[in-house]
Amino acid sequence: FSPPQRYSLRVPLASRNNIMSLSLQKVIATSSSEEKLNKPSLLQSTILGGSAAVFAVNFTHPIELVKTRVQVSKEGIIETCSATMRNEGVAAFWKGIPWAYCREGSYTAIRL
């Protein structure tokens, strides 16, 4: 492992006499064994990718549900959202989310 290299960067600010000096550090790993320690295994990568996808589904599923209902009903987004809220309640936007978890979790885990 080599020590960090230091770089100096001078950035002029608004006035001519006022110059801010920034110090940047760049760490260079020279040993391949150190790089292997930071890289996740295949199993860890699969689990982390699937978990990230399942987390993201919580936010994208309501959008997908509204998109699908707009396509089927041929109404606008506002009308579809208000009808869904009025007739089925807020929880309707997450109908079928366990299936979306399975789909996205398995797809993303395998793809990564």
Protein backbone atom coordinates (compact mmCIF):
# COMPACT_ATOMS: atom_id res chain seq x y z
CA PHE A 1 0.00 0.00 0.00
CA SER A 2 1.47 3.33 -1.03
CA PRO A 3 0.80 6.51 0.95
CA PRO A 4 -1.88 8.85 -0.40
CA GLN A 5 -0.74 11.34 -3.00
CA ARG A 6 -1.60 14.97 -2.29
CA TYR A 7 -2.65 17.41 -4.98
CA SER A 8 -3.14 21.12 -4.58
CA LEU A 9 -5.75 23.01 -6.57
CA ARG A 10 -6.04 26.79 -6.57
CA VAL A 11 -9.49 28.15 -7.40
CA PRO A 12 -9.92 31.92 -7.90
CA LEU A 13 -12.96 33.38 -6.20
CA ALA A 14 -14.89 36.58 -6.97
CA SER A 15 -12.10 39.04 -6.14
CA ARG A 16 -8.65 39.06 -7.69
CA ASN A 17 -6.76 38.93 -4.37
CA ASN A 18 -8.87 36.23 -2.80
CA ILE A 19 -7.69 32.80 -3.88
CA MET A 20 -8.86 29.67 -2.16
CA SER A 21 -6.52 26.73 -2.05
CA LEU A 22 -8.04 23.28 -1.92
CA SER A 23 -6.23 20.15 -1.05
CA LEU A 24 -7.32 16.95 -2.72
CA GLN A 25 -6.20 13.51 -1.73
CA LYS A 26 -6.04 10.64 -4.13
CA VAL A 27 -5.55 7.22 -2.66
CA ILE A 28 -4.12 4.66 -5.03
CA ALA A 29 -4.43 1.01 -4.10
CA THR A 30 -1.47 -0.88 -5.48
CA SER A 31 -2.17 -4.28 -4.04
CA SER A 32 -4.67 -6.52 -5.82
CA SER A 33 -5.48 -8.30 -2.55
CA GLU A 34 -6.79 -5.03 -1.08
CA GLU A 35 -9.07 -4.53 -4.09
CA LYS A 36 -10.47 -8.04 -3.66
CA LEU A 37 -11.41 -7.26 -0.06
CA ASN A 38 -13.66 -4.39 -1.17
CA LYS A 39 -15.40 -6.28 -3.99
CA PRO A 40 -18.58 -8.12 -2.91
CA SER A 41 -18.93 -11.80 -3.67
CA LEU A 42 -21.44 -13.11 -6.21
CA LEU A 43 -23.90 -14.03 -3.46
CA GLN A 44 -23.57 -10.63 -1.78
CA SER A 45 -23.98 -8.85 -5.11
CA THR A 46 -27.10 -10.90 -5.87
CA ILE A 47 -28.66 -10.18 -2.49
CA LEU A 48 -27.79 -6.48 -2.56
CA GLY A 49 -29.10 -6.04 -6.11
CA GLY A 50 -32.35 -7.82 -5.31
CA SER A 51 -32.81 -5.82 -2.12
CA ALA A 52 -32.26 -2.52 -3.94
CA ALA A 53 -34.85 -3.46 -6.55
CA VAL A 54 -37.40 -4.47 -3.92
CA PHE A 55 -36.86 -1.16 -2.13
CA ALA A 56 -37.31 0.79 -5.39
CA VAL A 57 -40.58 -1.03 -6.14
CA ASN A 58 -42.19 0.70 -3.15
CA PHE A 59 -41.92 3.98 -5.04
CA THR A 60 -42.41 2.88 -8.65
CA HIS A 61 -45.35 0.49 -8.19
CA PRO A 62 -48.01 3.20 -7.67
CA ILE A 63 -46.81 4.91 -10.85
CA GLU A 64 -46.98 1.64 -12.79
CA LEU A 65 -50.47 0.95 -11.42
CA VAL A 66 -51.76 4.35 -12.53
CA LYS A 67 -50.08 3.98 -15.94
CA THR A 68 -51.75 0.62 -16.50
CA ARG A 69 -55.16 1.89 -15.42
CA VAL A 70 -54.85 4.94 -17.67
CA GLN A 71 -54.06 2.67 -20.62
CA VAL A 72 -57.06 0.46 -19.90
CA SER A 73 -59.61 3.15 -19.05
CA LYS A 74 -58.54 5.73 -21.68
CA GLU A 75 -59.02 8.49 -19.07
CA GLY A 76 -56.45 11.03 -17.89
CA ILE A 77 -54.00 10.63 -15.05
CA ILE A 78 -55.84 12.96 -12.68
CA GLU A 79 -59.19 11.26 -13.29
CA THR A 80 -57.66 7.81 -12.82
CA CYS A 81 -55.87 8.77 -9.58
CA SER A 82 -58.92 10.45 -8.08
CA ALA A 83 -61.23 7.56 -9.05
CA THR A 84 -58.80 5.05 -7.52
CA MET A 85 -58.58 7.06 -4.30
CA ARG A 86 -62.33 7.63 -4.11
CA ASN A 87 -63.39 4.05 -4.90
CA GLU A 88 -60.61 1.95 -3.36
CA GLY A 89 -58.62 4.14 -0.98
CA VAL A 90 -54.91 4.94 -0.75
CA ALA A 91 -53.89 1.30 -0.27
CA ALA A 92 -55.13 0.53 -3.79
CA PHE A 93 -51.99 2.11 -5.22
CA TRP A 94 -49.99 -0.76 -3.73
CA LYS A 95 -52.29 -3.59 -4.85
CA GLY A 96 -50.25 -6.50 -6.15
CA ILE A 97 -47.00 -5.29 -4.65
CA PRO A 98 -45.88 -8.77 -3.46
CA TRP A 99 -45.85 -9.89 -7.11
CA ALA A 100 -43.86 -6.81 -8.06
CA TYR A 101 -41.35 -7.62 -5.28
CA CYS A 102 -40.90 -11.12 -6.69
CA ARG A 103 -40.60 -9.91 -10.28
CA GLU A 104 -38.15 -7.09 -9.69
CA GLY A 105 -36.15 -8.84 -6.96
CA SER A 106 -35.52 -11.95 -9.02
CA TYR A 107 -34.96 -10.09 -12.29
CA THR A 108 -32.46 -7.62 -10.85
CA ALA A 109 -30.67 -10.21 -8.74
CA ILE A 110 -30.14 -12.44 -11.77
CA ARG A 111 -29.24 -9.58 -14.11
CA LEU A 112 -26.53 -8.19 -11.82
